[in-house]
Protein backbone atom coordinates (compact mmCIF):
# COMPACT_ATOMS: atom_id res chain seq x y z
CA MET A 1 -1.46 -24.10 44.46
CA SER A 2 -4.46 -26.25 44.97
CA VAL A 3 -5.11 -28.97 42.48
CA SER A 4 -8.22 -31.37 42.40
CA VAL A 5 -7.72 -34.96 42.15
CA ARG A 6 -10.57 -37.43 41.07
CA VAL A 7 -9.82 -40.70 42.37
CA PRO A 8 -11.25 -43.94 40.95
CA THR A 9 -12.90 -46.26 43.39
CA ILE A 10 -10.53 -49.02 43.26
CA LEU A 11 -8.07 -46.41 44.65
CA ARG A 12 -10.11 -45.09 47.30
CA SER A 13 -8.62 -46.83 49.91
CA PHE A 14 -5.57 -45.27 50.64
CA THR A 15 -7.61 -41.41 50.35
CA GLY A 16 -9.88 -42.85 53.63
CA GLY A 17 -12.81 -43.55 51.02
CA ALA A 18 -12.80 -39.74 49.51
CA ALA A 19 -13.51 -39.47 45.91
CA GLU A 20 -11.97 -36.25 45.43
CA VAL A 21 -8.67 -34.80 47.18
CA SER A 22 -6.99 -31.77 47.12
CA VAL A 23 -3.00 -31.40 47.07
CA ASP A 24 -0.48 -28.54 46.93
CA PRO A 25 2.17 -29.66 44.59
CA ALA A 26 5.39 -28.41 46.79
CA ASP A 27 7.46 -27.98 43.54
CA GLY A 28 4.36 -27.05 41.52
CA GLY A 29 3.61 -27.45 37.91
CA THR A 30 3.66 -30.97 36.51
CA LEU A 31 1.78 -34.30 36.81
CA ARG A 32 5.24 -35.47 38.55
CA ASP A 33 4.66 -33.43 41.19
CA VAL A 34 1.10 -33.63 41.65
CA ILE A 35 1.58 -37.20 41.91
CA ALA A 36 4.33 -36.94 44.53
CA SER A 37 2.11 -34.36 46.83
CA LEU A 38 -0.75 -36.95 46.37
CA ASP A 39 1.98 -39.93 47.52
CA THR A 40 2.99 -37.81 50.74
CA ALA A 41 -0.40 -36.86 51.71
CA TYR A 42 -1.86 -40.70 51.02
CA PRO A 43 1.42 -42.89 51.19
CA GLY A 44 1.39 -45.59 48.64
CA ILE A 45 -0.71 -44.27 46.14
CA ALA A 46 1.88 -43.35 43.83
CA GLY A 47 3.01 -47.13 43.47
CA ARG A 48 -0.56 -47.82 42.39
CA LEU A 49 -0.08 -44.95 39.63
CA LEU A 50 3.52 -45.76 38.59
CA ASP A 51 5.77 -48.42 37.68
CA ALA A 52 9.02 -49.78 38.93
CA ASP A 53 10.78 -47.21 36.35
CA GLY A 54 8.55 -44.47 37.75
CA LYS A 55 6.48 -44.08 34.61
CA LEU A 56 2.60 -44.09 34.57
CA ARG A 57 1.28 -47.84 34.44
CA ARG A 58 -0.31 -48.90 31.15
CA PHE A 59 -3.43 -49.44 32.27
CA VAL A 60 -3.95 -45.88 34.09
CA ASN A 61 -5.40 -43.11 32.38
CA VAL A 62 -4.78 -39.75 34.15
CA TYR A 63 -6.39 -36.48 32.52
CA VAL A 64 -5.63 -32.60 33.22
CA GLY A 65 -9.32 -31.22 32.69
CA SER A 66 -10.29 -33.10 29.49
CA GLU A 67 -6.70 -33.62 28.24
CA ASP A 68 -5.42 -37.18 28.27
CA VAL A 69 -1.79 -36.96 29.47
CA ARG A 70 -0.72 -39.83 26.97
CA PHE A 71 -1.32 -37.07 24.24
CA ALA A 72 0.33 -34.06 26.15
CA GLN A 73 4.02 -34.74 28.07
CA GLY A 74 2.83 -37.37 30.44
CA LEU A 75 4.23 -37.28 33.59
CA ASP A 76 5.76 -33.83 32.63
CA THR A 77 2.28 -32.28 31.22
CA PRO A 78 1.69 -28.95 33.29
CA ILE A 79 -0.77 -28.05 35.75
CA PRO A 80 -2.04 -25.04 36.16
CA ALA A 81 -3.25 -23.92 39.90
CA GLY A 82 -7.11 -25.51 40.39
CA ALA A 83 -6.74 -27.54 37.79
CA GLU A 84 -8.90 -30.99 38.11
CA VAL A 85 -6.73 -34.37 37.62
CA SER A 86 -8.89 -37.14 37.11
CA VAL A 87 -7.41 -40.61 37.27
CA ILE A 88 -9.37 -43.33 35.24
CA PRO A 89 -8.16 -47.11 35.43
CA ALA A 90 -8.45 -48.75 31.93
CA VAL A 91 -11.22 -51.21 31.52
CA ALA A 92 -10.60 -54.17 29.09
CA GLY A 93 -13.45 -56.22 27.38
CA GLY A 94 -15.05 -56.48 24.20
CA ALA A 95 -18.59 -57.08 22.66
CA LEU A 96 -20.29 -60.36 23.50
CA GLU A 97 -20.76 -62.25 20.14
CA SER A 98 -24.01 -64.26 19.46
CA TRP A 99 -23.15 -68.09 19.87
CA SER A 100 -24.77 -70.68 18.05
CA VAL A 101 -24.38 -74.31 19.35
CA SER A 102 -25.95 -77.29 17.26
CA LEU A 103 -26.10 -80.41 19.27
CA SER A 104 -26.87 -82.75 16.51
């Protein structure tokens, strides 16, 4: 079962600059398996996706197709053969407000 993983710019140092890679999860079936296979092929990348407790990091968003795994089954989300998994780092920020400064 081959799965395509879209890699954000910040993690491409692990994939030799590749924006998209394919992995064949050995155990097959879940996002957890895909991440394990990804880490086997690209050592260290799982440490950027998972925290010390083995959970997805707070500011890492993962989609299977167009479905956010946070609203599915998290790391236990089933990954069908041929699926596209997208890793997207969260971006924080806000709108700039108009500031009026009076110097008098």
